[in-house]
Protein backbone atom coordinates (compact mmCIF):
# COMPACT_ATOMS: atom_id res chain seq x y z
CA MET A 1 92.57 86.64 266.42
CA LEU A 2 95.16 85.85 263.78
CA SER A 3 98.73 85.09 264.67
CA PRO A 4 101.02 88.09 264.05
CA GLU A 5 103.51 85.60 262.61
CA PHE A 6 101.15 84.70 259.75
CA ASP A 7 101.31 87.09 256.80
CA ARG A 8 98.04 86.86 254.84
CA ASN A 9 99.94 87.42 251.58
CA LEU A 10 102.64 84.83 252.21
CA VAL A 11 103.52 82.91 249.05
CA SER A 12 104.57 79.75 250.85
CA PRO A 13 104.70 78.91 254.57
CA THR A 14 107.87 77.78 256.29
CA SER A 15 108.59 75.38 259.12
CA ASP A 16 109.89 78.29 261.21
CA HIS A 17 106.29 78.96 262.27
CA PHE A 18 106.19 75.53 263.94
CA ALA A 19 109.73 75.11 265.29
CA ALA A 20 108.60 74.09 268.79
CA SER A 21 106.06 71.63 267.39
CA ASP A 22 108.66 70.12 265.08
CA GLU A 23 111.06 69.71 268.00
CA LEU A 24 108.43 67.96 270.13
CA ARG A 25 107.11 65.61 267.43
CA PRO A 26 109.97 63.05 267.48
CA LEU A 27 109.60 62.66 271.26
CA ALA A 28 105.84 62.18 270.98
CA HIS A 29 106.23 59.56 268.25
CA ARG A 30 108.91 57.75 270.25
CA LEU A 31 106.69 57.53 273.33
CA ILE A 32 103.15 57.30 271.88
CA PRO A 33 102.04 55.04 269.00
CA GLY A 34 101.13 57.43 266.20
CA GLY A 35 102.28 60.41 268.24
CA ALA A 36 98.81 61.10 269.71
CA HIS A 37 96.24 59.34 271.87
CA THR A 38 93.43 59.93 269.35
CA TYR A 39 93.86 58.91 265.71
CA ALA A 40 91.90 61.93 264.47
CA LYS A 41 94.46 64.21 266.12
CA GLY A 42 97.47 62.47 264.57
CA ASP A 43 100.09 64.04 262.31
CA ASP A 44 98.83 62.04 259.32
CA GLN A 45 95.53 63.95 259.52
CA TYR A 46 97.19 67.34 259.01
CA PRO A 47 99.62 68.93 256.54
CA VAL A 48 103.34 69.02 257.21
CA LEU A 49 103.02 72.74 257.92
CA ALA A 50 100.55 72.61 260.78
CA PRO A 51 100.57 73.12 264.54
CA GLY A 52 101.59 69.86 266.14
CA PHE A 53 100.54 70.62 269.71
CA ILE A 54 97.96 72.98 271.17
CA ALA A 55 98.99 74.63 274.43
CA SER A 56 95.83 76.49 275.44
CA GLY A 57 92.41 77.63 274.36
CA THR A 58 89.70 80.12 275.28
CA GLY A 59 86.32 80.17 273.60
CA CYS A 60 86.96 79.28 269.96
CA HIS A 61 90.58 80.51 270.01
CA VAL A 62 93.58 78.23 270.55
CA TRP A 63 97.33 78.77 270.76
CA ASP A 64 99.96 76.24 269.80
CA VAL A 65 103.30 75.65 271.50
CA ASP A 66 104.92 78.17 269.15
CA GLY A 67 102.50 80.92 270.19
CA ASN A 68 100.57 80.87 266.91
CA ALA A 69 96.89 81.74 267.37
CA PHE A 70 94.01 80.11 265.51
CA ILE A 71 90.26 80.26 265.30
CA GLU A 72 89.38 76.61 265.83
CA TYR A 73 86.62 74.53 264.28
CA GLY A 74 85.84 70.92 265.09
CA MET A 75 86.20 71.96 268.73
CA GLY A 76 87.86 68.93 270.27
CA LEU A 77 86.25 66.43 267.88
CA ARG A 78 82.84 68.07 268.57
CA ALA A 79 83.20 67.66 272.34
CA VAL A 80 83.43 71.39 273.09
CA ALA A 81 80.10 72.93 272.05
CA LEU A 82 80.19 75.92 274.40
CA GLY A 83 83.85 76.90 274.07
CA HIS A 84 87.23 76.09 275.56
CA ALA A 85 87.65 76.88 279.28
CA PHE A 86 84.00 77.98 279.38
CA PRO A 87 83.73 79.83 282.74
CA PRO A 88 80.47 78.36 284.21
CA VAL A 89 81.56 74.81 283.39
CA VAL A 90 85.12 75.27 284.66
CA ALA A 91 83.86 76.92 287.85
CA ALA A 92 81.49 74.01 288.58
CA ALA A 93 84.20 71.43 287.99
CA VAL A 94 86.82 73.27 290.06
CA LYS A 95 84.41 73.72 292.96
CA GLN A 96 83.75 69.99 292.98
CA ILE A 97 87.43 69.07 292.60
CA GLN A 98 88.10 70.95 295.84
CA ARG A 99 85.58 68.64 297.56
CA GLY A 100 87.03 65.42 296.15
CA ILE A 101 86.30 63.59 292.92
CA ASN A 102 86.21 59.87 293.69
CA PHE A 103 84.82 58.15 296.78
CA THR A 104 84.14 54.57 297.89
CA ARG A 105 80.36 55.10 297.68
CA PRO A 106 78.29 56.93 295.03
CA SER A 107 77.97 60.70 295.01
CA PRO A 108 74.50 62.30 295.08
CA LEU A 109 75.56 64.00 291.86
CA GLU A 110 75.15 60.66 290.10
CA ALA A 111 71.38 60.65 290.62
CA GLU A 112 71.06 64.38 289.98
CA CYS A 113 72.98 64.23 286.73
CA ALA A 114 71.03 61.15 285.60
CA GLU A 115 67.72 62.89 286.30
CA ASN A 116 68.79 65.94 284.28
CA LEU A 117 69.97 63.87 281.33
CA LEU A 118 66.76 61.83 281.18
CA GLU A 119 64.83 65.06 280.52
CA VAL A 120 66.58 65.19 277.13
CA VAL A 121 66.00 61.62 275.97
CA PRO A 122 62.48 60.55 274.96
CA GLY A 123 61.35 57.27 276.50
CA ALA A 124 64.57 56.72 278.48
CA GLU A 125 64.26 55.76 282.15
CA MET A 126 67.71 54.76 283.42
CA VAL A 127 71.30 55.95 282.99
CA LYS A 128 74.82 54.58 283.41
CA PHE A 129 77.74 57.03 283.20
CA THR A 130 81.20 56.27 281.89
CA LYS A 131 84.11 58.19 280.38
CA ASP A 132 84.06 57.77 276.60
CA GLY A 133 81.76 56.92 273.75
CA SER A 134 83.34 53.58 272.93
CA THR A 135 82.62 52.07 276.34
CA ALA A 136 79.05 53.37 276.25
CA THR A 137 78.23 51.91 272.83
CA THR A 138 79.93 48.62 273.66
CA ALA A 139 77.87 48.41 276.85
CA ALA A 140 74.74 48.98 274.74
CA ILE A 141 75.73 46.10 272.45
CA ARG A 142 76.41 43.75 275.39
CA LEU A 143 73.11 44.69 276.99
CA ALA A 144 71.19 44.12 273.73
CA ARG A 145 72.78 40.71 273.32
CA ALA A 146 71.88 39.72 276.88
CA TYR A 147 68.32 41.03 276.58
CA THR A 148 67.59 39.30 273.27
CA GLY A 149 69.77 36.19 273.69
CA ARG A 150 71.27 36.82 270.25
CA ASP A 151 74.84 37.39 269.06
CA ALA A 152 74.82 39.35 265.80
CA VAL A 153 74.52 43.13 265.51
CA ALA A 154 73.98 45.41 262.52
CA LEU A 155 75.58 48.84 262.18
CA CYS A 156 75.19 51.59 259.62
CA ALA A 157 78.27 51.57 257.38
CA ASP A 158 77.77 55.25 256.49
CA HIS A 159 78.49 56.18 260.11
CA PRO A 160 81.93 54.61 260.38
CA PHE A 161 82.97 55.09 264.01
CA TYR A 162 80.99 53.74 266.94
CA SER A 163 83.68 52.26 269.16
CA TYR A 164 87.31 51.17 269.29
CA ASP A 165 86.09 47.74 270.42
CA ASP A 166 86.21 44.64 268.21
CA TRP A 167 82.52 44.52 267.26
CA ALA A 168 82.80 47.92 265.51
CA ILE A 169 86.43 48.25 264.38
CA GLY A 170 86.22 44.81 262.78
CA THR A 171 84.15 46.40 260.00
CA THR A 172 86.87 48.95 259.12
CA PRO A 173 90.13 48.55 257.17
CA MET A 174 92.03 48.82 260.49
CA ASN A 175 90.84 45.41 261.68
CA ALA A 176 94.19 43.81 262.52
CA GLY A 177 94.10 41.75 265.72
CA ILE A 178 90.37 41.02 265.58
CA PRO A 179 89.36 37.35 265.19
CA GLN A 180 87.33 36.38 262.13
CA ASP A 181 84.66 34.86 264.36
CA VAL A 182 84.13 38.26 265.98
CA LYS A 183 84.04 40.07 262.63
CA ARG A 184 81.32 37.73 261.39
CA LEU A 185 79.01 38.81 264.18
CA THR A 186 78.74 42.38 262.89
CA LEU A 187 76.64 43.06 259.80
CA THR A 188 76.37 46.34 257.93
CA PHE A 189 73.71 48.30 256.08
CA ARG A 190 73.42 51.68 254.35
CA TYR A 191 71.70 54.75 255.73
CA ASN A 192 68.15 55.40 254.55
CA ASP A 193 67.98 51.87 253.10
CA LEU A 194 65.09 50.25 254.94
CA ALA A 195 64.93 47.44 252.37
CA GLY A 196 68.58 46.67 253.05
CA VAL A 197 67.91 46.27 256.76
CA GLU A 198 64.90 44.07 256.01
CA ALA A 199 67.16 41.91 253.86
CA LEU A 200 69.61 41.51 256.76
CA PHE A 201 66.85 40.31 259.06
CA SER A 202 65.65 37.88 256.39
CA ALA A 203 69.16 36.55 255.76
CA HIS A 204 69.88 36.13 259.49
CA PRO A 205 66.56 35.14 261.08
CA GLY A 206 66.50 35.26 264.87
CA ARG A 207 70.20 36.21 265.09
CA ILE A 208 70.34 40.03 265.16
CA ALA A 209 70.29 41.46 268.67
CA ALA A 210 70.38 45.14 267.74
CA VAL A 211 70.68 47.72 265.02
CA ILE A 212 72.95 50.66 265.90
CA MET A 213 73.28 53.94 264.01
CA GLU A 214 73.29 57.70 264.32
CA ALA A 215 69.86 59.23 263.76
CA GLU A 216 71.46 61.71 261.34
CA LYS A 217 74.97 62.50 260.19
CA ASP A 218 75.45 64.71 257.12
CA VAL A 219 72.37 63.39 255.29
CA GLU A 220 68.84 63.84 256.63
CA PRO A 221 66.76 60.73 257.31
CA ALA A 222 64.32 59.92 254.51
CA ARG A 223 60.70 60.36 255.42
CA GLY A 224 59.57 57.41 257.51
CA PHE A 225 63.02 55.82 257.69
CA LEU A 226 63.61 56.14 261.43
CA ILE A 227 60.11 55.09 262.45
CA GLY A 228 60.20 52.28 259.90
CA LEU A 229 63.56 51.11 261.23
CA ARG A 230 62.32 51.01 264.80
CA ASP A 231 59.21 49.07 263.79
CA LEU A 232 61.31 46.68 261.71
CA CYS A 233 63.64 46.01 264.65
CA HIS A 234 60.77 45.33 267.04
CA ARG A 235 58.96 43.13 264.53
CA HIS A 236 62.07 40.95 264.32
CA GLY A 237 62.76 40.97 268.08
CA ALA A 238 65.81 43.27 267.91
CA LEU A 239 66.61 46.50 269.76
CA LEU A 240 67.24 49.89 268.17
CA ILE A 241 70.30 51.71 269.51
CA ILE A 242 70.81 55.38 268.56
CA ASP A 243 74.33 56.77 268.95
CA GLU A 244 73.93 60.44 269.96
CA MET A 245 77.55 61.16 270.78
CA ILE A 246 77.57 63.89 268.14
CA THR A 247 73.91 64.84 267.80
CA GLY A 248 73.30 65.07 271.55
CA PHE A 249 73.40 68.72 272.69
CA ARG A 250 74.06 69.87 269.13
CA TRP A 251 70.83 68.99 267.29
CA PRO A 252 67.57 70.92 267.91
CA GLN A 253 65.96 70.07 271.27
CA ARG A 254 69.37 68.75 272.39
CA SER A 255 68.64 65.31 270.93
CA ALA A 256 68.23 63.95 267.41
CA GLN A 257 65.65 61.56 268.80
CA ARG A 258 63.49 64.42 270.07
CA HIS A 259 64.10 66.39 266.88
CA HIS A 260 63.00 63.51 264.64
CA GLY A 261 60.31 62.12 266.94
CA ILE A 262 61.84 58.69 267.47
CA GLU A 263 62.33 56.66 270.67
CA ALA A 264 65.25 54.26 270.69
CA ASP A 265 65.44 51.33 273.08
CA LEU A 266 68.95 52.37 274.07
CA SER A 267 71.00 55.44 273.20
CA THR A 268 74.39 56.88 274.00
CA PHE A 269 75.47 60.45 274.77
CA GLY A 270 78.81 62.13 275.39
CA LYS A 271 81.09 64.74 273.81
CA ALA A 272 79.16 68.02 274.26
CA LEU A 273 77.54 66.69 277.44
CA GLY A 274 80.69 67.63 279.38
CA ASN A 275 81.97 70.43 277.10
CA GLY A 276 85.32 68.65 276.95
CA PHE A 277 85.26 66.97 280.35
CA ALA A 278 85.32 63.18 280.08
CA ILE A 279 81.78 61.96 280.54
CA SER A 280 79.47 59.82 278.44
CA ALA A 281 76.31 57.90 279.14
CA LEU A 282 74.25 54.89 278.18
CA VAL A 283 70.53 55.57 278.60
CA GLY A 284 67.53 53.40 277.89
CA LYS A 285 64.29 51.78 278.86
CA ARG A 286 64.04 50.32 282.34
CA ASP A 287 63.26 46.71 281.40
CA ILE A 288 66.47 46.56 279.38
CA MET A 289 68.79 48.68 281.52
CA GLN A 290 67.86 46.96 284.78
CA LEU A 291 69.64 43.79 283.60
CA GLY A 292 72.80 45.57 284.71
CA GLY A 293 71.34 46.09 288.17
CA LEU A 294 69.76 44.12 291.01
CA ASP A 295 65.98 44.33 290.55
CA HIS A 296 65.34 41.36 288.27
CA ASP A 297 65.49 37.57 288.27
CA ARG A 298 67.53 37.06 285.07
CA ASP A 299 71.26 36.55 284.62
CA ARG A 300 73.02 39.79 285.51
CA VAL A 301 74.88 41.80 282.86
CA PHE A 302 78.25 43.27 283.82
CA LEU A 303 77.17 46.51 282.23
CA LEU A 304 79.49 49.37 283.14
CA SER A 305 81.70 49.41 286.21
CA THR A 306 84.62 51.79 285.88
CA THR A 307 86.72 53.36 288.61
CA HIS A 308 86.47 56.79 287.03
CA GLY A 309 83.06 56.50 285.34
CA ALA A 310 81.24 58.83 287.74
CA GLU A 311 83.98 61.20 288.85
CA THR A 312 82.23 64.07 290.55
CA HIS A 313 83.96 66.94 288.75
CA ALA A 314 82.82 65.56 285.37
CA LEU A 315 79.26 65.16 286.68
CA ALA A 316 79.37 68.72 288.00
CA ALA A 317 80.59 69.92 284.61
CA ALA A 318 77.75 68.09 282.87
CA LEU A 319 75.19 69.59 285.24
CA ALA A 320 76.57 73.06 284.49
CA VAL A 321 76.39 72.34 280.77
CA MET A 322 72.78 71.19 280.94
CA LYS A 323 71.82 74.20 283.09
CA PHE A 324 73.40 76.57 280.57
CA TYR A 325 71.49 74.90 277.73
CA ARG A 326 68.22 75.34 279.62
CA GLU A 327 68.84 79.02 280.29
CA GLU A 328 70.59 80.22 277.13
CA PRO A 329 69.89 79.83 273.37
CA VAL A 330 72.82 77.50 272.73
CA ILE A 331 71.24 75.37 269.99
CA GLU A 332 69.87 78.45 268.23
CA THR A 333 73.31 80.08 268.35
CA LEU A 334 75.03 77.00 266.92
CA GLU A 335 72.49 76.91 264.07
CA ARG A 336 72.74 80.64 263.39
CA GLN A 337 76.54 80.81 263.37
CA GLY A 338 76.82 77.63 261.34
CA LEU A 339 74.42 79.08 258.78
CA ARG A 340 76.37 82.36 258.66
CA LEU A 341 79.52 80.35 257.98
CA ARG A 342 77.84 78.17 255.35
CA VAL A 343 76.40 81.13 253.42
CA GLY A 344 79.73 82.97 253.44
CA VAL A 345 81.85 79.98 252.46
CA GLU A 346 79.50 78.91 249.68
CA ALA A 347 79.54 82.49 248.35
CA VAL A 348 83.34 82.62 248.14
CA ALA A 349 83.47 79.11 246.64
CA ALA A 350 81.04 80.28 243.95
CA HIS A 351 83.13 83.42 243.41
CA HIS A 352 86.12 81.20 242.61
CA GLY A 353 84.02 78.83 240.49
CA LEU A 354 84.62 75.95 242.89
CA GLN A 355 81.06 74.80 243.59
CA LYS A 356 81.88 71.33 242.22
CA HIS A 357 85.27 71.14 243.89
CA PHE A 358 84.65 72.47 247.41
CA GLN A 359 81.34 71.66 249.08
CA LEU A 360 79.78 71.90 252.51
CA VAL A 361 77.47 69.17 253.83
CA GLY A 362 75.55 68.58 257.04
CA ARG A 363 73.45 70.64 259.41
CA PRO A 364 74.67 74.21 260.10
CA ALA A 365 75.72 73.17 263.62
CA ASN A 366 77.75 70.24 262.30
CA LEU A 367 79.24 71.24 258.96
CA VAL A 368 81.93 69.25 257.18
CA TYR A 369 83.52 69.94 253.82
CA ARG A 370 84.48 67.91 250.77
CA CYS A 371 87.57 68.70 248.70
CA CYS A 372 87.59 67.40 245.13
CA ASP A 373 90.15 67.40 242.33
CA ARG A 374 89.81 68.70 238.78
CA ASP A 375 87.56 65.77 237.87
CA GLY A 376 85.30 66.28 240.89
CA ILE A 377 86.66 63.19 242.69
CA PRO A 378 87.19 63.50 246.48
CA SER A 379 90.88 64.19 247.04
CA GLN A 380 93.03 63.89 250.13
CA THR A 381 95.67 65.96 248.35
CA PHE A 382 93.35 68.92 247.87
CA ARG A 383 92.07 68.51 251.42
CA THR A 384 95.69 68.83 252.55
CA LEU A 385 96.17 71.95 250.47
CA PHE A 386 93.02 73.53 251.89
CA LEU A 387 94.09 72.75 255.46
CA GLN A 388 97.56 74.13 254.77
CA GLU A 389 96.25 77.39 253.32
CA THR A 390 93.68 77.99 256.06
CA ILE A 391 96.25 77.23 258.77
CA ARG A 392 98.53 79.83 257.17
CA ARG A 393 95.74 82.34 257.69
CA GLY A 394 95.00 81.51 261.31
CA ILE A 395 92.18 78.98 260.88
CA LEU A 396 92.40 75.42 262.26
CA ALA A 397 89.49 73.63 260.61
CA PRO A 398 89.46 69.85 260.09
CA SER A 399 85.71 70.49 259.84
CA PHE A 400 83.48 73.56 260.15
CA VAL A 401 81.83 72.54 263.41
CA VAL A 402 81.04 75.74 265.33
CA SER A 403 80.70 76.42 269.04
CA TYR A 404 78.60 78.80 271.11
CA SER A 405 81.73 80.98 271.42
CA HIS A 406 82.15 81.66 267.68
CA SER A 407 81.26 85.33 267.26
CA ASP A 408 80.18 87.09 264.09
CA ASP A 409 83.70 88.51 263.84
CA ASP A 410 85.23 85.04 264.16
CA ILE A 411 82.98 83.76 261.38
CA ASP A 412 83.72 86.74 259.15
CA GLN A 413 87.49 86.39 259.66
CA THR A 414 87.14 82.73 258.77
CA ILE A 415 85.25 83.47 255.55
CA GLU A 416 87.93 86.00 254.58
CA ALA A 417 90.68 83.43 255.22
CA ILE A 418 88.80 80.78 253.22
CA ASP A 419 88.40 83.21 250.35
CA ARG A 420 92.18 83.55 250.16
CA ALA A 421 92.73 79.82 250.62
CA LEU A 422 90.32 78.99 247.80
CA SER A 423 92.18 81.39 245.53
CA VAL A 424 95.21 79.11 245.93
CA TYR A 425 92.96 76.06 245.52
CA ARG A 426 91.73 77.45 242.18
CA LYS A 427 95.29 77.98 240.95
CA ALA A 428 96.25 74.45 242.02
CA LEU A 429 93.38 73.02 239.99
CA GLU A 430 94.54 74.97 236.96
CA THR A 431 98.31 74.49 237.10
CA GLY A 432 98.83 71.49 239.40
CA VAL A 433 98.84 71.04 243.14
CA ASP A 434 102.54 70.20 243.47
CA ALA A 435 103.52 73.83 243.05
CA TYR A 436 101.53 74.81 246.14
CA LEU A 437 101.47 71.88 248.55
CA VAL A 438 104.37 71.50 250.95
CA GLY A 439 105.10 67.85 251.76
CA ARG A 440 102.87 64.76 251.75
CA SER A 441 99.08 64.47 251.75
CA VAL A 442 96.93 63.67 254.74
CA GLN A 443 95.68 60.09 255.02
CA PRO A 444 92.24 58.56 255.62
CA ALA A 445 91.59 58.01 259.33
CA PHE A 446 91.09 54.25 258.74
CA THR A 447 94.15 53.08 256.79
CA LYS A 448 95.03 49.37 256.64
CA ARG A 449 98.75 49.86 256.04
CA ALA A 450 100.82 52.28 258.07
CA MET A 451 102.31 55.15 256.07
CA PRO A 452 104.55 57.06 258.48
CA PRO A 453 104.16 60.82 258.00
CA LYS A 454 107.27 62.93 257.66
CA LEU A 455 107.79 64.67 260.96
CA ALA A 456 109.39 67.81 259.56
CA ALA A 457 108.64 70.18 256.72
CA VAL A 458 110.13 69.43 253.34
């Protein structure tokens, strides 16, 4: 459903489309560092002419505070795999809310939800729930350090975000406030580079507690890489941690580990597990996980203990999500609709002669795009232009990550809008982008120096 305010043939958009957003932005920036509570949702990640605030959503459709309607992709940073306000999930959460959400003793839902989640994760035997991915991955790192008695960890540098905690963010350009001694404890390697990981173990003998990575991002694992990595970790006395925040409930068989036939020692899930409700989990083998419990004679690990970590409405939502996945072809739908989108977008890109300038990468259920300039170099400016032109046509797409709610008609409308957007992209390559782009470019998510975005259209 395209906004009636957006004329498909508009030569240039105006700020009038986003008057309410523009009025609210200064207040948000005065009260909230960066104007948003998630960096990926910040103003610097979007063009000047973009919706600043989303008021509501149903399925894959969202409406901003100005009443503009968009078909959304990315779906809440991949957290909403079924669709916004998805009825079975909302109903389960609301029913539980009416019974209370936080008690002084555990809810039986904690065991039920743990049992259901363990069906998805090969080799896992115990679960701890929390609210976000960062706390889950940090708990995995602490547990690995306690289990192995080592301090250093190694993370895959091609998968740049694991946690907002020091051990991970210290490897990014936004590492202000993190002590050098902490930074030194985190090593990095490249995806599919088994020799590189071997070199890390050789250079730091007996020091690496764990290797953490996603099983797959936008590049498939090379043959034997995942199994070889696990064997390499165990040979050197380290644990393998697989971050499944994105791949969980989006990859075939609901888990990249199951899909690729690999068992991690510890793994983390979240995002699609709650279809937008705040729930994530650390899962793993019993002999490791139990260090956070009572049934052992070693020093105890303060693993995860959060007031809101097992709120019952989020557990109920997760149970409804997992039930829906068991009964309906969710994964198959995500793959099919993602493939329909990929085929259509690549066809219109080829029609405009932009195969080297606009490319899709990743699995069909988790597509992202690359925008390149005239020389084929990745360009934030051309990414901004593409976002601007798709927003004008009722598409909000920081990525092309689909949901179960994206219909054939939604996909076809999107392809039509992208066709028109790429027509502008082609002209910008030929005559210069300045004639088409309104305002400044978007910025990389991890930027060392602050570059305040202009809050109003120019």
